[in-house]
Amino acid sequence: MFKEDFSPAEDTLSQTKKLEKYSGEVDWSYLKPHFEAGNLIYVDPSLDLKAAGLVFAKDDQFQVQKWLQCGDLVQPCELHAEHWEKEKARFQAMVVRPFILAQPL
């Protein structure tokens, strides 16, 4: 009935298509649990979110460190979270396991 090489868990999409599939607009309430788990990464609006996602997907640690050092990527702190909660902030978010990349709208 099924092809022998069929695996329902196998995702045959390209990396770019996967990032597009797991991207979308969200509000802070969606991101808050990821922040609390330490998996949220803030992406400065000067960066292209999809390009940042591809860097994470490729595990390009050199580029990630470069962006962290210059402040283009930030692991948010409690002050960020309080501000976003108060402002009811909205974000463009992208899942790149184990991280959630978020950029303000």
N, C-alpha and C. Protein backbone atom coordinates (compact mmCIF):
# COMPACT_ATOMS: atom_id res chain seq x y z
N MET A 1 0.81 -1.19 0.00
CA MET A 1 0.00 0.00 0.00
C MET A 1 0.86 1.26 0.00
N PHE A 2 1.91 1.32 0.86
CA PHE A 2 2.82 2.46 0.88
C PHE A 2 4.11 2.10 0.19
N LYS A 3 4.77 3.13 -0.34
CA LYS A 3 6.09 2.90 -0.89
C LYS A 3 7.02 2.47 0.23
N GLU A 4 7.95 1.59 -0.05
CA GLU A 4 8.85 1.08 0.99
C GLU A 4 9.70 2.17 1.62
N ASP A 5 10.07 3.19 0.86
CA ASP A 5 10.93 4.24 1.40
C ASP A 5 10.13 5.40 1.99
N PHE A 6 8.83 5.24 2.15
CA PHE A 6 7.98 6.30 2.68
C PHE A 6 8.14 6.40 4.19
N SER A 7 8.34 7.61 4.66
CA SER A 7 8.41 7.88 6.10
C SER A 7 7.56 9.11 6.37
N PRO A 8 6.48 8.98 7.14
CA PRO A 8 5.61 10.14 7.38
C PRO A 8 6.32 11.28 8.10
N ALA A 9 7.40 10.99 8.83
CA ALA A 9 8.12 12.03 9.55
C ALA A 9 9.15 12.73 8.68
N GLU A 10 9.41 12.20 7.50
CA GLU A 10 10.43 12.78 6.63
C GLU A 10 9.89 14.04 5.98
N ASP A 11 10.63 15.11 6.09
CA ASP A 11 10.25 16.38 5.50
C ASP A 11 11.19 16.64 4.32
N THR A 12 10.65 16.57 3.12
CA THR A 12 11.49 16.67 1.93
C THR A 12 11.59 18.10 1.40
N LEU A 13 11.08 19.07 2.13
CA LEU A 13 11.16 20.46 1.69
C LEU A 13 12.59 20.96 1.78
N SER A 14 12.92 21.92 0.94
CA SER A 14 14.23 22.57 1.02
C SER A 14 14.30 23.36 2.32
N GLN A 15 15.51 23.71 2.74
CA GLN A 15 15.68 24.47 3.98
C GLN A 15 14.91 25.79 3.92
N THR A 16 14.97 26.47 2.78
CA THR A 16 14.26 27.74 2.63
C THR A 16 12.75 27.54 2.77
N LYS A 17 12.22 26.50 2.14
CA LYS A 17 10.78 26.23 2.22
C LYS A 17 10.37 25.86 3.65
N LYS A 18 11.22 25.11 4.36
CA LYS A 18 10.92 24.77 5.75
C LYS A 18 10.84 26.04 6.60
N LEU A 19 11.79 26.96 6.39
CA LEU A 19 11.77 28.20 7.15
C LEU A 19 10.51 29.01 6.85
N GLU A 20 10.11 29.03 5.59
CA GLU A 20 8.88 29.74 5.23
C GLU A 20 7.66 29.07 5.87
N LYS A 21 7.67 27.75 5.89
CA LYS A 21 6.55 26.99 6.46
C LYS A 21 6.39 27.27 7.95
N TYR A 22 7.51 27.44 8.64
CA TYR A 22 7.49 27.63 10.09
C TYR A 22 7.74 29.08 10.47
N SER A 23 7.18 30.00 9.70
CA SER A 23 7.29 31.44 9.93
C SER A 23 5.89 32.06 9.94
N GLY A 24 5.78 33.15 10.65
CA GLY A 24 4.51 33.87 10.63
C GLY A 24 4.47 34.99 11.65
N GLU A 25 3.39 35.76 11.57
CA GLU A 25 3.19 36.86 12.52
C GLU A 25 2.56 36.32 13.79
N VAL A 26 3.13 36.74 14.92
CA VAL A 26 2.64 36.29 16.23
C VAL A 26 2.67 37.46 17.20
N ASP A 27 1.91 37.32 18.27
CA ASP A 27 1.99 38.33 19.32
C ASP A 27 2.88 37.81 20.45
N TRP A 28 3.14 38.68 21.41
CA TRP A 28 4.05 38.36 22.49
C TRP A 28 3.60 37.13 23.28
N SER A 29 2.32 36.92 23.42
CA SER A 29 1.83 35.78 24.21
C SER A 29 2.29 34.45 23.62
N TYR A 30 2.47 34.39 22.31
CA TYR A 30 2.99 33.16 21.68
C TYR A 30 4.47 32.98 21.99
N LEU A 31 5.21 34.07 22.01
CA LEU A 31 6.66 34.00 22.21
C LEU A 31 7.08 33.89 23.68
N LYS A 32 6.23 34.32 24.58
CA LYS A 32 6.59 34.37 26.00
C LYS A 32 7.08 33.02 26.55
N PRO A 33 6.41 31.89 26.28
CA PRO A 33 6.93 30.61 26.79
C PRO A 33 8.31 30.26 26.23
N HIS A 34 8.59 30.68 25.00
CA HIS A 34 9.90 30.42 24.40
C HIS A 34 10.97 31.30 25.05
N PHE A 35 10.58 32.53 25.39
CA PHE A 35 11.47 33.42 26.15
C PHE A 35 11.80 32.79 27.49
N GLU A 36 10.77 32.32 28.19
CA GLU A 36 10.96 31.73 29.52
C GLU A 36 11.83 30.47 29.47
N ALA A 37 11.78 29.75 28.35
CA ALA A 37 12.59 28.54 28.19
C ALA A 37 14.02 28.87 27.74
N GLY A 38 14.27 30.15 27.41
CA GLY A 38 15.61 30.55 26.97
C GLY A 38 15.89 30.28 25.51
N ASN A 39 14.84 30.09 24.71
CA ASN A 39 15.01 29.74 23.30
C ASN A 39 14.70 30.88 22.33
N LEU A 40 14.37 32.05 22.86
CA LEU A 40 14.00 33.17 22.00
C LEU A 40 15.22 34.00 21.64
N ILE A 41 15.35 34.32 20.37
CA ILE A 41 16.42 35.19 19.88
C ILE A 41 15.78 36.37 19.15
N TYR A 42 16.11 37.58 19.60
CA TYR A 42 15.62 38.79 18.96
C TYR A 42 16.53 39.10 17.77
N VAL A 43 15.93 39.34 16.61
CA VAL A 43 16.66 39.65 15.39
C VAL A 43 16.41 41.12 15.05
N ASP A 44 17.47 41.89 15.00
CA ASP A 44 17.36 43.31 14.68
C ASP A 44 16.70 43.49 13.32
N PRO A 45 15.85 44.51 13.19
CA PRO A 45 15.17 44.76 11.91
C PRO A 45 16.12 45.03 10.74
N SER A 46 17.37 45.37 11.02
CA SER A 46 18.33 45.60 9.94
C SER A 46 18.73 44.31 9.24
N LEU A 47 18.48 43.16 9.88
CA LEU A 47 18.79 41.86 9.28
C LEU A 47 17.56 41.30 8.59
N ASP A 48 17.78 40.56 7.55
CA ASP A 48 16.71 39.82 6.89
C ASP A 48 16.43 38.57 7.73
N LEU A 49 15.20 38.40 8.18
CA LEU A 49 14.86 37.28 9.06
C LEU A 49 15.12 35.94 8.39
N LYS A 50 14.78 35.82 7.12
CA LYS A 50 15.01 34.55 6.43
C LYS A 50 16.51 34.24 6.32
N ALA A 51 17.32 35.27 6.05
CA ALA A 51 18.77 35.07 5.98
C ALA A 51 19.31 34.64 7.34
N ALA A 52 18.82 35.25 8.40
CA ALA A 52 19.25 34.86 9.75
C ALA A 52 18.83 33.42 10.03
N GLY A 53 17.63 33.05 9.63
CA GLY A 53 17.16 31.69 9.82
C GLY A 53 18.03 30.68 9.10
N LEU A 54 18.45 31.01 7.89
CA LEU A 54 19.32 30.10 7.14
C LEU A 54 20.68 29.94 7.81
N VAL A 55 21.19 31.03 8.39
CA VAL A 55 22.47 30.96 9.11
C VAL A 55 22.33 30.02 10.30
N PHE A 56 21.23 30.12 11.04
CA PHE A 56 21.00 29.21 12.16
C PHE A 56 20.83 27.77 11.68
N ALA A 57 20.07 27.60 10.60
CA ALA A 57 19.82 26.25 10.08
C ALA A 57 21.12 25.58 9.62
N LYS A 58 22.04 26.38 9.09
CA LYS A 58 23.34 25.85 8.64
C LYS A 58 24.33 25.72 9.79
N ASP A 59 23.92 26.14 10.99
CA ASP A 59 24.78 26.10 12.17
C ASP A 59 26.07 26.88 11.94
N ASP A 60 25.94 28.05 11.32
CA ASP A 60 27.08 28.93 11.06
C ASP A 60 27.39 29.71 12.33
N GLN A 61 28.10 29.09 13.24
CA GLN A 61 28.38 29.68 14.55
C GLN A 61 29.21 30.96 14.44
N PHE A 62 30.09 31.03 13.46
CA PHE A 62 30.90 32.23 13.29
C PHE A 62 30.01 33.45 13.02
N GLN A 63 29.06 33.32 12.07
CA GLN A 63 28.18 34.45 11.74
C GLN A 63 27.26 34.78 12.92
N VAL A 64 26.74 33.76 13.58
CA VAL A 64 25.87 34.01 14.74
C VAL A 64 26.63 34.79 15.81
N GLN A 65 27.86 34.38 16.11
CA GLN A 65 28.68 35.09 17.11
C GLN A 65 28.95 36.53 16.69
N LYS A 66 29.21 36.72 15.42
CA LYS A 66 29.44 38.07 14.89
C LYS A 66 28.22 38.96 15.12
N TRP A 67 27.04 38.42 14.81
CA TRP A 67 25.80 39.19 15.02
C TRP A 67 25.53 39.42 16.50
N LEU A 68 25.81 38.44 17.33
CA LEU A 68 25.63 38.62 18.78
C LEU A 68 26.55 39.71 19.31
N GLN A 69 27.79 39.72 18.86
CA GLN A 69 28.77 40.70 19.34
C GLN A 69 28.41 42.12 18.95
N CYS A 70 27.84 42.29 17.77
CA CYS A 70 27.49 43.66 17.34
C CYS A 70 26.06 44.04 17.72
N GLY A 71 25.31 43.14 18.33
CA GLY A 71 23.97 43.46 18.81
C GLY A 71 22.86 43.24 17.81
N ASP A 72 23.18 42.65 16.66
CA ASP A 72 22.12 42.37 15.68
C ASP A 72 21.25 41.19 16.11
N LEU A 73 21.79 40.32 16.95
CA LEU A 73 21.03 39.26 17.60
C LEU A 73 21.15 39.48 19.10
N VAL A 74 20.05 39.29 19.82
CA VAL A 74 20.05 39.49 21.26
C VAL A 74 19.21 38.40 21.90
N GLN A 75 19.73 37.84 22.99
CA GLN A 75 18.89 36.96 23.79
C GLN A 75 18.18 37.89 24.77
N PRO A 76 16.87 38.05 24.63
CA PRO A 76 16.15 39.05 25.42
C PRO A 76 16.24 38.80 26.92
N CYS A 77 16.14 39.91 27.66
CA CYS A 77 16.13 39.85 29.12
C CYS A 77 14.73 40.19 29.63
N GLU A 78 14.59 40.18 30.92
CA GLU A 78 13.28 40.46 31.54
C GLU A 78 12.75 41.84 31.18
N LEU A 79 13.63 42.83 31.04
CA LEU A 79 13.18 44.18 30.67
C LEU A 79 12.53 44.20 29.29
N HIS A 80 13.13 43.45 28.36
CA HIS A 80 12.52 43.33 27.03
C HIS A 80 11.12 42.72 27.15
N ALA A 81 11.04 41.63 27.89
CA ALA A 81 9.77 40.91 28.04
C ALA A 81 8.69 41.81 28.64
N GLU A 82 9.05 42.57 29.66
CA GLU A 82 8.08 43.47 30.29
C GLU A 82 7.60 44.53 29.31
N HIS A 83 8.52 45.08 28.54
CA HIS A 83 8.16 46.09 27.54
C HIS A 83 7.22 45.51 26.49
N TRP A 84 7.56 44.33 25.96
CA TRP A 84 6.74 43.71 24.92
C TRP A 84 5.36 43.33 25.45
N GLU A 85 5.31 42.90 26.70
CA GLU A 85 4.03 42.57 27.34
C GLU A 85 3.16 43.83 27.43
N LYS A 86 3.75 44.90 27.92
CA LYS A 86 3.04 46.17 28.10
C LYS A 86 2.55 46.74 26.78
N GLU A 87 3.40 46.65 25.75
CA GLU A 87 3.08 47.24 24.44
C GLU A 87 2.24 46.33 23.56
N LYS A 88 2.00 45.09 24.02
CA LYS A 88 1.27 44.10 23.21
C LYS A 88 1.95 43.97 21.83
N ALA A 89 3.27 43.80 21.90
CA ALA A 89 4.10 43.77 20.69
C ALA A 89 3.74 42.59 19.79
N ARG A 90 3.94 42.81 18.49
CA ARG A 90 3.75 41.76 17.48
C ARG A 90 5.08 41.56 16.76
N PHE A 91 5.29 40.33 16.31
CA PHE A 91 6.55 39.95 15.72
C PHE A 91 6.35 39.08 14.49
N GLN A 92 7.35 39.09 13.64
CA GLN A 92 7.49 38.06 12.62
C GLN A 92 8.41 37.04 13.27
N ALA A 93 7.97 35.80 13.37
CA ALA A 93 8.75 34.78 14.06
C ALA A 93 9.05 33.62 13.12
N MET A 94 10.14 32.93 13.43
CA MET A 94 10.57 31.80 12.63
C MET A 94 11.13 30.73 13.56
N VAL A 95 10.69 29.50 13.38
CA VAL A 95 11.19 28.38 14.16
C VAL A 95 12.40 27.79 13.45
N VAL A 96 13.53 27.79 14.15
CA VAL A 96 14.75 27.12 13.70
C VAL A 96 15.23 26.36 14.93
N ARG A 97 14.73 25.14 15.06
CA ARG A 97 14.97 24.37 16.28
C ARG A 97 16.41 24.38 16.72
N PRO A 98 16.64 24.59 18.00
CA PRO A 98 15.69 24.72 19.10
C PRO A 98 15.26 26.16 19.35
N PHE A 99 15.60 27.07 18.43
CA PHE A 99 15.35 28.48 18.67
C PHE A 99 14.10 28.99 17.97
N ILE A 100 13.60 30.10 18.50
CA ILE A 100 12.56 30.89 17.85
C ILE A 100 13.20 32.24 17.58
N LEU A 101 13.30 32.62 16.32
CA LEU A 101 13.84 33.93 15.95
C LEU A 101 12.65 34.87 15.84
N ALA A 102 12.79 36.07 16.40
CA ALA A 102 11.67 37.02 16.38
C ALA A 102 12.16 38.41 16.02
N GLN A 103 11.39 39.04 15.15
CA GLN A 103 11.70 40.39 14.67
C GLN A 103 10.45 41.23 14.83
N PRO A 104 10.57 42.45 15.36
CA PRO A 104 9.37 43.26 15.59
C PRO A 104 8.71 43.67 14.29
N LEU A 105 7.39 43.80 14.35
CA LEU A 105 6.63 44.30 13.20
C LEU A 105 6.42 45.80 13.34
